Amino acid sequence: MSKAKYCGLNTVKLANASQHAYQPGKSTDTALYSLSFILEKNVKAKEIALAVFLDIEGAFDKVPIEAIVRALEHRGVN
């Protein structure tokens, strides 16, 4: 069982449909495919194609556990 399902992310809709981490049948490969498909489609249509990538070092390590627990409880995860 994936960590996300175990934590209830799928049952309370915490996971965005475009999220690939901890989603059954999704991986870094499917994330890259989705991104390249969208970018290629926009380039062919002569639309603006923009991608921004952020890697916030220690993002989850710096969030107080109490804030995480409150956010999960607010979304129905106990």
C-alpha atoms as a PDB file:
ATOM      1  CA  MET A   1       0.000   0.000   0.000  1.00  0.00           C
ATOM      2  CA  SER A   2       1.436   3.400  -0.952  1.00  0.00           C
ATOM      3  CA  LYS A   3       2.226   5.977   1.711  1.00  0.00           C
ATOM      4  CA  ALA A   4      -0.363   8.343   0.243  1.00  0.00           C
ATOM      5  CA  LYS A   5      -3.193   5.824   0.436  1.00  0.00           C
ATOM      6  CA  TYR A   6      -2.128   4.828   3.916  1.00  0.00           C
ATOM      7  CA  CYS A   7      -2.281   8.478   5.027  1.00  0.00           C
ATOM      8  CA  GLY A   8      -5.648   8.961   3.378  1.00  0.00           C
ATOM      9  CA  LEU A   9      -4.494  11.406   0.704  1.00  0.00           C
ATOM     10  CA  ASN A  10      -6.593   9.809  -2.005  1.00  0.00           C
ATOM     11  CA  THR A  11      -9.703   9.406   0.115  1.00  0.00           C
ATOM     12  CA  VAL A  12      -9.894  13.072   1.135  1.00  0.00           C
ATOM     13  CA  LYS A  13      -8.650  14.531  -2.167  1.00  0.00           C
ATOM     14  CA  LEU A  14      -5.400  16.012  -0.844  1.00  0.00           C
ATOM     15  CA  ALA A  15      -3.526  14.781  -3.887  1.00  0.00           C
ATOM     16  CA  ASN A  16      -3.899  16.894  -7.014  1.00  0.00           C
ATOM     17  CA  ALA A  17      -4.755  14.946 -10.182  1.00  0.00           C
ATOM     18  CA  SER A  18      -1.487  16.109 -11.740  1.00  0.00           C
ATOM     19  CA  GLN A  19       0.579  14.822  -8.815  1.00  0.00           C
ATOM     20  CA  HIS A  20       2.680  11.798  -9.707  1.00  0.00           C
ATOM     21  CA  ALA A  21       4.343  11.012  -6.369  1.00  0.00           C
ATOM     22  CA  TYR A  22       2.649   8.255  -4.348  1.00  0.00           C
ATOM     23  CA  GLN A  23       0.008   7.690  -7.033  1.00  0.00           C
ATOM     24  CA  PRO A  24      -0.656   4.172  -8.344  1.00  0.00           C
ATOM     25  CA  GLY A  25       0.416   3.835 -11.972  1.00  0.00           C
ATOM     26  CA  LYS A  26       2.306   7.138 -11.954  1.00  0.00           C
ATOM     27  CA  SER A  27       6.036   7.786 -11.766  1.00  0.00           C
ATOM     28  CA  THR A  28       8.723  10.253 -12.757  1.00  0.00           C
ATOM     29  CA  ASP A  29       8.399   8.808 -16.269  1.00  0.00           C
ATOM     30  CA  THR A  30       4.682   9.611 -16.463  1.00  0.00           C
ATOM     31  CA  ALA A  31       5.324  13.082 -15.010  1.00  0.00           C
ATOM     32  CA  LEU A  32       7.932  13.814 -17.687  1.00  0.00           C
ATOM     33  CA  TYR A  33       5.679  12.432 -20.411  1.00  0.00           C
ATOM     34  CA  SER A  34       2.779  14.617 -19.259  1.00  0.00           C
ATOM     35  CA  LEU A  35       4.978  17.697 -19.133  1.00  0.00           C
ATOM     36  CA  SER A  36       6.533  17.093 -22.544  1.00  0.00           C
ATOM     37  CA  PHE A  37       3.079  16.418 -24.057  1.00  0.00           C
ATOM     38  CA  ILE A  38       1.707  19.723 -22.749  1.00  0.00           C
ATOM     39  CA  LEU A  39       4.774  21.703 -23.813  1.00  0.00           C
ATOM     40  CA  GLU A  40       4.825  20.144 -27.291  1.00  0.00           C
ATOM     41  CA  LYS A  41       1.101  20.809 -27.749  1.00  0.00           C
ATOM     42  CA  ASN A  42       1.555  24.474 -26.810  1.00  0.00           C
ATOM     43  CA  VAL A  43       4.593  24.923 -29.055  1.00  0.00           C
ATOM     44  CA  LYS A  44       2.744  23.391 -32.036  1.00  0.00           C
ATOM     45  CA  ALA A  45      -0.226  25.698 -31.381  1.00  0.00           C
ATOM     46  CA  LYS A  46       2.194  28.661 -31.152  1.00  0.00           C
ATOM     47  CA  GLU A  47       1.039  29.252 -27.591  1.00  0.00           C
ATOM     48  CA  ILE A  48       3.232  30.251 -24.700  1.00  0.00           C
ATOM     49  CA  ALA A  49       4.947  27.257 -23.133  1.00  0.00           C
ATOM     50  CA  LEU A  50       6.443  27.844 -19.705  1.00  0.00           C
ATOM     51  CA  ALA A  51       7.669  25.473 -17.017  1.00  0.00           C
ATOM     52  CA  VAL A  52       8.899  26.417 -13.556  1.00  0.00           C
ATOM     53  CA  PHE A  53      10.676  23.966 -11.286  1.00  0.00           C
ATOM     54  CA  LEU A  54      11.182  24.564  -7.580  1.00  0.00           C
ATOM     55  CA  ASP A  55      13.095  22.465  -5.118  1.00  0.00           C
ATOM     56  CA  ILE A  56      12.659  23.959  -1.685  1.00  0.00           C
ATOM     57  CA  GLU A  57      15.414  22.503   0.445  1.00  0.00           C
ATOM     58  CA  GLY A  58      14.109  21.060   3.675  1.00  0.00           C
ATOM     59  CA  ALA A  59      10.550  22.250   3.036  1.00  0.00           C
ATOM     60  CA  PHE A  60       8.964  19.408   4.983  1.00  0.00           C
ATOM     61  CA  ASP A  61      11.698  19.309   7.611  1.00  0.00           C
ATOM     62  CA  LYS A  62      10.946  22.899   8.643  1.00  0.00           C
ATOM     63  CA  VAL A  63       7.169  22.595   9.010  1.00  0.00           C
ATOM     64  CA  PRO A  64       6.109  22.040  12.631  1.00  0.00           C
ATOM     65  CA  ILE A  65       4.469  18.619  12.994  1.00  0.00           C
ATOM     66  CA  GLU A  66       1.538  20.281  14.772  1.00  0.00           C
ATOM     67  CA  ALA A  67       0.770  22.303  11.623  1.00  0.00           C
ATOM     68  CA  ILE A  68       0.807  19.147   9.505  1.00  0.00           C
ATOM     69  CA  VAL A  69      -1.477  17.332  11.953  1.00  0.00           C
ATOM     70  CA  ARG A  70      -3.927  20.276  12.039  1.00  0.00           C
ATOM     71  CA  ALA A  71      -3.998  20.468   8.230  1.00  0.00           C
ATOM     72  CA  LEU A  72      -4.671  16.728   7.930  1.00  0.00           C
ATOM     73  CA  GLU A  73      -7.371  16.813  10.621  1.00  0.00           C
ATOM     74  CA  HIS A  74      -8.986  19.791   8.859  1.00  0.00           C
ATOM     75  CA  ARG A  75      -9.222  17.597   5.752  1.00  0.00           C
ATOM     76  CA  GLY A  76     -10.742  14.666   7.618  1.00  0.00           C
ATOM     77  CA  VAL A  77      -7.617  12.551   8.135  1.00  0.00           C
ATOM     78  CA  ASN A  78      -7.304  11.227  11.679  1.00  0.00           C
END
